[in-house]
Amino acid sequence: MKIGVIADTHIPDRAKVIPQQILEAFKKVDMVIHAGDFVDSSVLDKLKAVCKNVRAVWGNMDPYEIRKELPEKEIIEIGNYKIGIIHGYGHPNKLIDLVTEIFKNDFVNLIIFGHSHSALNEKRGNIIYFNPGSPTDKTFALHNSYGIIEINDKIEAKIVRI
């Protein structure tokens, strides 16, 4: 299973469209996960146009029309692995503690989150913490990015710089 991961698109505030490089990459994945802060619902439609299997949660900047369609938190199972998805909120330095607390009773192997706009791929104990960064905003990061996760007999996650 190959998964494209994106968050914090903030369209149209930070950019008019999802970068073409990402749309091309997501044509070759089995699933796309968006970890919130679409801002405009057209982003979800665009992702579904390149990959039919899109999972997503809402973020703190998403309007009511998106929040009514998507959950705040989701857990999906792929093979023997459980993946927790949430946008996150609050101070960026506290995000790992926050998402750990949110999923503490769910026994997840991987937590995908956004909010900080800063890419992260880090294993702590038995959990991989994965933030794809933002493809459209570099306010809190040196580069724009997205993620690719491959799940077979193990989880391999990588950040892709744009």
N, C-alpha and C. Protein backbone atom coordinates (compact mmCIF):
# COMPACT_ATOMS: atom_id res chain seq x y z
N MET A 1 0.85 -1.18 0.00
CA MET A 1 0.00 0.00 0.00
C MET A 1 0.89 1.24 0.00
N LYS A 2 0.68 2.10 -0.96
CA LYS A 2 1.42 3.35 -1.06
C LYS A 2 0.45 4.49 -0.81
N ILE A 3 0.81 5.39 0.13
CA ILE A 3 -0.07 6.46 0.57
C ILE A 3 0.61 7.81 0.35
N GLY A 4 -0.11 8.72 -0.28
CA GLY A 4 0.33 10.10 -0.39
C GLY A 4 -0.23 10.88 0.78
N VAL A 5 0.60 11.68 1.43
CA VAL A 5 0.17 12.41 2.63
C VAL A 5 0.40 13.91 2.43
N ILE A 6 -0.63 14.67 2.77
CA ILE A 6 -0.59 16.12 2.59
C ILE A 6 -1.36 16.77 3.75
N ALA A 7 -1.02 17.98 4.06
CA ALA A 7 -1.73 18.75 5.11
C ALA A 7 -1.48 20.22 4.86
N ASP A 8 -2.23 21.04 5.54
CA ASP A 8 -1.99 22.49 5.55
C ASP A 8 -1.85 23.08 4.15
N THR A 9 -2.81 22.76 3.29
CA THR A 9 -2.79 23.32 1.93
C THR A 9 -3.20 24.79 1.93
N HIS A 10 -4.11 25.18 2.80
CA HIS A 10 -4.53 26.58 2.94
C HIS A 10 -4.83 27.25 1.60
N ILE A 11 -5.59 26.56 0.78
CA ILE A 11 -5.97 27.13 -0.52
C ILE A 11 -7.33 27.80 -0.37
N PRO A 12 -7.52 29.02 -0.80
CA PRO A 12 -6.66 29.85 -1.64
C PRO A 12 -5.80 30.86 -0.88
N ASP A 13 -5.71 30.76 0.43
CA ASP A 13 -4.97 31.76 1.21
C ASP A 13 -3.46 31.76 0.94
N ARG A 14 -2.85 30.59 0.87
CA ARG A 14 -1.39 30.49 0.69
C ARG A 14 -0.99 30.20 -0.76
N ALA A 15 -1.90 29.61 -1.53
CA ALA A 15 -1.65 29.31 -2.95
C ALA A 15 -3.00 29.14 -3.63
N LYS A 16 -3.00 29.22 -4.94
CA LYS A 16 -4.25 29.08 -5.68
C LYS A 16 -4.62 27.61 -5.91
N VAL A 17 -3.59 26.76 -6.05
CA VAL A 17 -3.81 25.35 -6.37
C VAL A 17 -2.79 24.47 -5.66
N ILE A 18 -3.08 23.17 -5.59
CA ILE A 18 -2.11 22.19 -5.11
C ILE A 18 -0.98 22.12 -6.14
N PRO A 19 0.27 22.14 -5.71
CA PRO A 19 1.36 22.04 -6.68
C PRO A 19 1.23 20.81 -7.59
N GLN A 20 1.47 21.01 -8.87
CA GLN A 20 1.31 19.95 -9.87
C GLN A 20 2.16 18.73 -9.56
N GLN A 21 3.35 18.93 -9.00
CA GLN A 21 4.23 17.81 -8.65
C GLN A 21 3.52 16.83 -7.71
N ILE A 22 2.74 17.37 -6.79
CA ILE A 22 2.02 16.53 -5.83
C ILE A 22 0.89 15.78 -6.52
N LEU A 23 0.14 16.47 -7.35
CA LEU A 23 -0.96 15.81 -8.07
C LEU A 23 -0.44 14.67 -8.94
N GLU A 24 0.68 14.88 -9.59
CA GLU A 24 1.28 13.81 -10.41
C GLU A 24 1.72 12.63 -9.54
N ALA A 25 2.34 12.92 -8.42
CA ALA A 25 2.79 11.85 -7.51
C ALA A 25 1.60 11.08 -6.96
N PHE A 26 0.51 11.77 -6.66
CA PHE A 26 -0.66 11.13 -6.06
C PHE A 26 -1.46 10.30 -7.06
N LYS A 27 -1.18 10.44 -8.34
CA LYS A 27 -1.80 9.55 -9.34
C LYS A 27 -1.25 8.13 -9.22
N LYS A 28 -0.11 7.99 -8.53
CA LYS A 28 0.58 6.69 -8.43
C LYS A 28 0.45 6.06 -7.05
N VAL A 29 -0.47 6.56 -6.22
CA VAL A 29 -0.65 6.00 -4.88
C VAL A 29 -1.99 5.27 -4.77
N ASP A 30 -2.10 4.44 -3.73
CA ASP A 30 -3.33 3.68 -3.48
C ASP A 30 -4.31 4.46 -2.61
N MET A 31 -3.80 5.43 -1.86
CA MET A 31 -4.61 6.22 -0.95
C MET A 31 -3.94 7.58 -0.75
N VAL A 32 -4.77 8.60 -0.54
CA VAL A 32 -4.28 9.92 -0.15
C VAL A 32 -4.87 10.24 1.22
N ILE A 33 -4.02 10.75 2.11
CA ILE A 33 -4.48 11.21 3.42
C ILE A 33 -4.17 12.70 3.51
N HIS A 34 -5.21 13.49 3.83
CA HIS A 34 -5.04 14.93 4.07
C HIS A 34 -5.31 15.17 5.55
N ALA A 35 -4.32 15.74 6.25
CA ALA A 35 -4.42 15.95 7.69
C ALA A 35 -4.92 17.34 8.06
N GLY A 36 -5.82 17.88 7.28
CA GLY A 36 -6.52 19.10 7.66
C GLY A 36 -5.92 20.42 7.24
N ASP A 37 -6.73 21.45 7.37
CA ASP A 37 -6.49 22.81 6.89
C ASP A 37 -6.47 22.87 5.36
N PHE A 38 -7.56 22.39 4.79
CA PHE A 38 -7.81 22.54 3.35
C PHE A 38 -8.04 24.02 3.07
N VAL A 39 -8.92 24.61 3.89
CA VAL A 39 -9.51 25.95 3.83
C VAL A 39 -10.62 25.98 2.78
N ASP A 40 -10.37 25.51 1.56
CA ASP A 40 -11.42 25.46 0.54
C ASP A 40 -11.72 24.00 0.19
N SER A 41 -13.00 23.67 0.10
CA SER A 41 -13.40 22.27 -0.16
C SER A 41 -13.00 21.79 -1.55
N SER A 42 -12.66 22.68 -2.45
CA SER A 42 -12.23 22.27 -3.79
C SER A 42 -10.95 21.43 -3.72
N VAL A 43 -10.16 21.60 -2.66
CA VAL A 43 -8.93 20.81 -2.49
C VAL A 43 -9.27 19.33 -2.38
N LEU A 44 -10.29 19.00 -1.60
CA LEU A 44 -10.71 17.61 -1.45
C LEU A 44 -11.17 17.05 -2.79
N ASP A 45 -11.92 17.82 -3.55
CA ASP A 45 -12.38 17.38 -4.87
C ASP A 45 -11.20 17.13 -5.81
N LYS A 46 -10.22 17.99 -5.76
CA LYS A 46 -9.05 17.85 -6.62
C LYS A 46 -8.26 16.59 -6.27
N LEU A 47 -8.13 16.31 -4.97
CA LEU A 47 -7.43 15.09 -4.56
C LEU A 47 -8.19 13.85 -5.00
N LYS A 48 -9.52 13.88 -4.87
CA LYS A 48 -10.34 12.74 -5.30
C LYS A 48 -10.29 12.53 -6.81
N ALA A 49 -9.98 13.57 -7.56
CA ALA A 49 -9.87 13.45 -9.01
C ALA A 49 -8.60 12.68 -9.42
N VAL A 50 -7.57 12.71 -8.57
CA VAL A 50 -6.33 11.98 -8.90
C VAL A 50 -6.22 10.65 -8.17
N CYS A 51 -6.98 10.46 -7.09
CA CYS A 51 -6.98 9.20 -6.34
C CYS A 51 -8.36 9.01 -5.71
N LYS A 52 -9.02 7.94 -6.05
CA LYS A 52 -10.39 7.72 -5.55
C LYS A 52 -10.45 7.49 -4.04
N ASN A 53 -9.37 6.96 -3.46
CA ASN A 53 -9.35 6.60 -2.05
C ASN A 53 -8.69 7.72 -1.23
N VAL A 54 -9.50 8.68 -0.79
CA VAL A 54 -8.99 9.81 -0.01
C VAL A 54 -9.60 9.75 1.39
N ARG A 55 -8.72 9.82 2.39
CA ARG A 55 -9.14 9.91 3.79
C ARG A 55 -8.68 11.26 4.30
N ALA A 56 -9.49 11.89 5.14
CA ALA A 56 -9.13 13.23 5.58
C ALA A 56 -9.80 13.59 6.89
N VAL A 57 -9.20 14.54 7.58
CA VAL A 57 -9.76 15.13 8.80
C VAL A 57 -9.75 16.64 8.63
N TRP A 58 -10.58 17.32 9.43
CA TRP A 58 -10.58 18.78 9.34
C TRP A 58 -9.53 19.38 10.27
N GLY A 59 -9.12 20.61 9.92
CA GLY A 59 -8.16 21.34 10.72
C GLY A 59 -8.75 22.60 11.30
N ASN A 60 -8.00 23.26 12.14
CA ASN A 60 -8.50 24.44 12.86
C ASN A 60 -8.87 25.61 11.95
N MET A 61 -8.35 25.67 10.74
CA MET A 61 -8.67 26.75 9.81
C MET A 61 -9.78 26.38 8.82
N ASP A 62 -10.29 25.18 8.92
CA ASP A 62 -11.32 24.74 7.98
C ASP A 62 -12.69 25.28 8.37
N PRO A 63 -13.47 25.72 7.37
CA PRO A 63 -14.81 26.26 7.64
C PRO A 63 -15.81 25.15 7.95
N TYR A 64 -16.98 25.55 8.38
CA TYR A 64 -18.05 24.62 8.75
C TYR A 64 -18.38 23.63 7.63
N GLU A 65 -18.38 24.08 6.38
CA GLU A 65 -18.75 23.18 5.27
C GLU A 65 -17.81 21.97 5.19
N ILE A 66 -16.56 22.14 5.58
CA ILE A 66 -15.61 21.02 5.60
C ILE A 66 -15.77 20.23 6.89
N ARG A 67 -15.92 20.90 8.01
CA ARG A 67 -16.06 20.22 9.31
C ARG A 67 -17.29 19.32 9.37
N LYS A 68 -18.35 19.69 8.68
CA LYS A 68 -19.55 18.85 8.71
C LYS A 68 -19.39 17.58 7.87
N GLU A 69 -18.42 17.59 6.95
CA GLU A 69 -18.20 16.44 6.07
C GLU A 69 -17.10 15.49 6.57
N LEU A 70 -16.19 16.01 7.37
CA LEU A 70 -15.02 15.22 7.78
C LEU A 70 -14.93 15.10 9.29
N PRO A 71 -14.31 14.02 9.78
CA PRO A 71 -14.11 13.90 11.23
C PRO A 71 -12.92 14.73 11.70
N GLU A 72 -12.86 14.97 13.00
CA GLU A 72 -11.70 15.64 13.58
C GLU A 72 -10.54 14.65 13.76
N LYS A 73 -10.89 13.41 14.03
CA LYS A 73 -9.92 12.35 14.31
C LYS A 73 -10.38 11.09 13.57
N GLU A 74 -9.43 10.36 13.02
CA GLU A 74 -9.78 9.11 12.36
C GLU A 74 -8.69 8.08 12.61
N ILE A 75 -9.11 6.84 12.70
CA ILE A 75 -8.17 5.72 12.81
C ILE A 75 -8.49 4.76 11.68
N ILE A 76 -7.47 4.42 10.91
CA ILE A 76 -7.67 3.45 9.84
C ILE A 76 -6.70 2.29 10.06
N GLU A 77 -7.08 1.14 9.56
CA GLU A 77 -6.23 -0.04 9.65
C GLU A 77 -5.79 -0.46 8.26
N ILE A 78 -4.50 -0.67 8.12
CA ILE A 78 -3.93 -1.15 6.87
C ILE A 78 -3.04 -2.33 7.22
N GLY A 79 -3.44 -3.49 6.77
CA GLY A 79 -2.70 -4.69 7.15
C GLY A 79 -2.73 -4.86 8.65
N ASN A 80 -1.58 -5.04 9.24
CA ASN A 80 -1.46 -5.21 10.69
C ASN A 80 -1.24 -3.89 11.43
N TYR A 81 -1.38 -2.78 10.73
CA TYR A 81 -1.05 -1.49 11.33
C TYR A 81 -2.27 -0.61 11.51
N LYS A 82 -2.24 0.17 12.61
CA LYS A 82 -3.28 1.16 12.88
C LYS A 82 -2.67 2.55 12.72
N ILE A 83 -3.38 3.39 11.98
CA ILE A 83 -2.91 4.74 11.69
C ILE A 83 -3.90 5.74 12.27
N GLY A 84 -3.40 6.63 13.11
CA GLY A 84 -4.22 7.71 13.65
C GLY A 84 -3.99 8.97 12.83
N ILE A 85 -5.07 9.67 12.53
CA ILE A 85 -4.99 10.90 11.74
C ILE A 85 -5.71 12.01 12.49
N ILE A 86 -5.04 13.14 12.65
CA ILE A 86 -5.63 14.32 13.29
C ILE A 86 -4.84 15.53 12.79
N HIS A 87 -5.47 16.69 12.80
CA HIS A 87 -4.75 17.88 12.37
C HIS A 87 -3.81 18.37 13.47
N GLY A 88 -4.34 18.53 14.66
CA GLY A 88 -3.57 19.09 15.77
C GLY A 88 -3.96 20.55 15.99
N TYR A 89 -3.54 21.07 17.11
CA TYR A 89 -3.84 22.46 17.46
C TYR A 89 -2.91 22.88 18.58
N GLY A 90 -2.90 24.18 18.85
CA GLY A 90 -2.06 24.69 19.92
C GLY A 90 -0.64 24.96 19.47
N HIS A 91 0.25 25.09 20.44
CA HIS A 91 1.64 25.45 20.17
C HIS A 91 2.35 24.32 19.43
N PRO A 92 3.07 24.63 18.34
CA PRO A 92 3.75 23.59 17.57
C PRO A 92 4.73 22.73 18.38
N ASN A 93 5.37 23.31 19.39
CA ASN A 93 6.32 22.55 20.21
C ASN A 93 5.65 21.50 21.07
N LYS A 94 4.34 21.58 21.22
CA LYS A 94 3.60 20.63 22.06
C LYS A 94 2.80 19.61 21.24
N LEU A 95 2.97 19.63 19.91
CA LEU A 95 2.13 18.78 19.05
C LEU A 95 2.32 17.29 19.30
N ILE A 96 3.54 16.85 19.44
CA ILE A 96 3.76 15.41 19.65
C ILE A 96 3.13 14.97 20.96
N ASP A 97 3.28 15.75 22.00
CA ASP A 97 2.64 15.42 23.28
C ASP A 97 1.12 15.39 23.12
N LEU A 98 0.58 16.37 22.40
CA LEU A 98 -0.86 16.45 22.19
C LEU A 98 -1.40 15.23 21.44
N VAL A 99 -0.79 14.90 20.30
CA VAL A 99 -1.31 13.78 19.51
C VAL A 99 -1.08 12.44 20.21
N THR A 100 -0.01 12.34 20.98
CA THR A 100 0.21 11.13 21.78
C THR A 100 -0.93 10.94 22.77
N GLU A 101 -1.31 12.01 23.43
CA GLU A 101 -2.41 11.96 24.41
C GLU A 101 -3.73 11.61 23.73
N ILE A 102 -3.98 12.20 22.58
CA ILE A 102 -5.24 11.96 21.86
C ILE A 102 -5.39 10.51 21.46
N PHE A 103 -4.30 9.87 21.05
CA PHE A 103 -4.36 8.48 20.58
C PHE A 103 -3.85 7.47 21.61
N LYS A 104 -3.72 7.87 22.88
CA LYS A 104 -3.07 7.01 23.88
C LYS A 104 -3.78 5.67 24.10
N ASN A 105 -5.07 5.61 23.93
CA ASN A 105 -5.80 4.35 24.14
C ASN A 105 -6.16 3.64 22.85
N ASP A 106 -5.61 4.09 21.74
CA ASP A 106 -5.96 3.52 20.43
C ASP A 106 -4.91 2.56 19.88
N PHE A 107 -3.75 2.49 20.52
CA PHE A 107 -2.69 1.55 20.15
C PHE A 107 -2.30 1.66 18.68
N VAL A 108 -2.06 2.91 18.24
CA VAL A 108 -1.67 3.14 16.85
C VAL A 108 -0.18 2.93 16.66
N ASN A 109 0.19 2.62 15.42
CA ASN A 109 1.59 2.45 15.05
C ASN A 109 2.16 3.72 14.41
N LEU A 110 1.26 4.52 13.87
CA LEU A 110 1.64 5.71 13.12
C LEU A 110 0.61 6.80 13.40
N ILE A 111 1.09 8.01 13.67
CA ILE A 111 0.21 9.16 13.83
C ILE A 111 0.57 10.19 12.77
N ILE A 112 -0.43 10.50 11.93
CA ILE A 112 -0.27 11.52 10.90
C ILE A 112 -0.97 12.78 11.38
N PHE A 113 -0.27 13.90 11.34
CA PHE A 113 -0.84 15.16 11.81
C PHE A 113 -0.28 16.31 10.98
N GLY A 114 -0.81 17.50 11.20
CA GLY A 114 -0.36 18.70 10.51
C GLY A 114 -0.17 19.82 11.50
N HIS A 115 -0.73 20.98 11.16
CA HIS A 115 -0.82 22.17 11.99
C HIS A 115 0.46 23.02 12.03
N SER A 116 1.61 22.43 12.21
CA SER A 116 2.84 23.22 12.38
C SER A 116 3.44 23.71 11.06
N HIS A 117 3.02 23.12 9.95
CA HIS A 117 3.56 23.42 8.61
C HIS A 117 5.01 22.98 8.48
N SER A 118 5.52 22.28 9.46
CA SER A 118 6.90 21.85 9.49
C SER A 118 6.96 20.32 9.42
N ALA A 119 7.65 19.80 8.41
CA ALA A 119 7.71 18.36 8.20
C ALA A 119 8.42 17.64 9.35
N LEU A 120 7.92 16.45 9.67
CA LEU A 120 8.51 15.64 10.72
C LEU A 120 8.28 14.17 10.40
N ASN A 121 9.31 13.38 10.55
CA ASN A 121 9.23 11.93 10.39
C ASN A 121 10.12 11.34 11.48
N GLU A 122 9.51 10.97 12.59
CA GLU A 122 10.29 10.58 13.77
C GLU A 122 9.62 9.41 14.48
N LYS A 123 10.44 8.44 14.86
CA LYS A 123 9.92 7.31 15.63
C LYS A 123 10.28 7.50 17.10
N ARG A 124 9.27 7.39 17.95
CA ARG A 124 9.46 7.45 19.40
C ARG A 124 8.81 6.21 19.98
N GLY A 125 9.60 5.36 20.58
CA GLY A 125 9.06 4.10 21.08
C GLY A 125 8.55 3.28 19.91
N ASN A 126 7.30 2.87 19.97
CA ASN A 126 6.71 2.06 18.90
C ASN A 126 5.85 2.86 17.93
N ILE A 127 5.88 4.18 18.05
CA ILE A 127 5.01 5.02 17.22
C ILE A 127 5.84 5.91 16.29
N ILE A 128 5.42 5.95 15.02
CA ILE A 128 6.01 6.87 14.05
C ILE A 128 5.13 8.12 14.04
N TYR A 129 5.74 9.28 14.23
CA TYR A 129 5.05 10.56 14.16
C TYR A 129 5.39 11.18 12.81
N PHE A 130 4.33 11.46 12.03
CA PHE A 130 4.56 11.92 10.66
C PHE A 130 3.73 13.16 10.35
N ASN A 131 4.42 14.25 10.08
CA ASN A 131 3.79 15.49 9.64
C ASN A 131 4.38 15.79 8.26
N PRO A 132 3.54 15.84 7.21
CA PRO A 132 4.08 16.05 5.87
C PRO A 132 4.54 17.47 5.59
N GLY A 133 4.33 18.39 6.54
CA GLY A 133 4.63 19.79 6.29
C GLY A 133 3.54 20.41 5.44
N SER A 134 3.81 21.56 4.89
CA SER A 134 2.84 22.25 4.03
C SER A 134 3.38 22.35 2.61
N PRO A 135 2.55 22.05 1.62
CA PRO A 135 3.00 22.18 0.24
C PRO A 135 2.93 23.62 -0.28
N THR A 136 2.34 24.51 0.52
CA THR A 136 2.07 25.86 0.02
C THR A 136 2.59 26.99 0.91
N ASP A 137 3.04 26.68 2.11
CA ASP A 137 3.43 27.73 3.06
C ASP A 137 4.75 27.40 3.73
N LYS A 138 5.67 28.36 3.75
CA LYS A 138 6.97 28.16 4.39
C LYS A 138 7.17 29.08 5.59
N THR A 139 6.09 29.56 6.18
CA THR A 139 6.21 30.46 7.32
C THR A 139 7.01 29.82 8.46
N PHE A 140 6.80 28.53 8.71
CA PHE A 140 7.46 27.85 9.82
C PHE A 140 8.42 26.75 9.35
N ALA A 141 8.78 26.77 8.07
CA ALA A 141 9.65 25.73 7.53
C ALA A 141 10.54 26.32 6.44
N LEU A 142 11.65 25.65 6.16
CA LEU A 142 12.57 26.11 5.13
C LEU A 142 12.13 25.72 3.72
N HIS A 143 11.25 24.71 3.65
CA HIS A 143 10.81 24.22 2.33
C HIS A 143 9.37 23.73 2.40
N ASN A 144 8.75 23.66 1.24
CA ASN A 144 7.43 23.04 1.13
C ASN A 144 7.63 21.55 0.97
N SER A 145 6.62 20.78 1.39
CA SER A 145 6.78 19.33 1.34
C SER A 145 5.44 18.60 1.41
N TYR A 146 5.51 17.31 1.12
CA TYR A 146 4.41 16.36 1.30
C TYR A 146 5.05 15.05 1.69
N GLY A 147 4.25 14.00 1.86
CA GLY A 147 4.82 12.73 2.29
C GLY A 147 4.37 11.55 1.46
N ILE A 148 5.18 10.52 1.49
CA ILE A 148 4.84 9.22 0.90
C ILE A 148 5.11 8.17 1.97
N ILE A 149 4.11 7.34 2.21
CA ILE A 149 4.24 6.24 3.17
C ILE A 149 3.96 4.94 2.44
N GLU A 150 4.84 3.96 2.61
CA GLU A 150 4.62 2.64 2.03
C GLU A 150 4.47 1.65 3.17
N ILE A 151 3.39 0.87 3.11
CA ILE A 151 3.12 -0.12 4.14
C ILE A 151 3.05 -1.49 3.49
N ASN A 152 3.97 -2.33 3.89
CA ASN A 152 4.00 -3.73 3.49
C ASN A 152 4.15 -4.55 4.77
N ASP A 153 5.29 -5.20 4.95
CA ASP A 153 5.54 -5.88 6.22
C ASP A 153 6.06 -4.91 7.27
N LYS A 154 6.38 -3.68 6.84
CA LYS A 154 6.77 -2.61 7.77
C LYS A 154 6.29 -1.28 7.19
N ILE A 155 6.39 -0.23 8.00
CA ILE A 155 6.00 1.11 7.57
C ILE A 155 7.26 1.88 7.18
N GLU A 156 7.28 2.37 5.95
CA GLU A 156 8.38 3.23 5.49
C GLU A 156 7.79 4.57 5.12
N ALA A 157 8.21 5.61 5.83
CA ALA A 157 7.68 6.95 5.60
C ALA A 157 8.79 7.89 5.18
N LYS A 158 8.47 8.76 4.21
CA LYS A 158 9.49 9.74 3.80
C LYS A 158 8.82 11.08 3.49
N ILE A 159 9.57 12.13 3.76
CA ILE A 159 9.17 13.50 3.44
C ILE A 159 9.74 13.80 2.05
N VAL A 160 8.91 14.40 1.21
CA VAL A 160 9.35 14.78 -0.14
C VAL A 160 9.35 16.31 -0.19
N ARG A 161 10.52 16.88 -0.41
CA ARG A 161 10.62 18.34 -0.54
C ARG A 161 10.21 18.75 -1.95
N ILE A 162 9.56 19.89 -2.00
CA ILE A 162 9.14 20.41 -3.31
C ILE A 162 10.16 21.45 -3.77
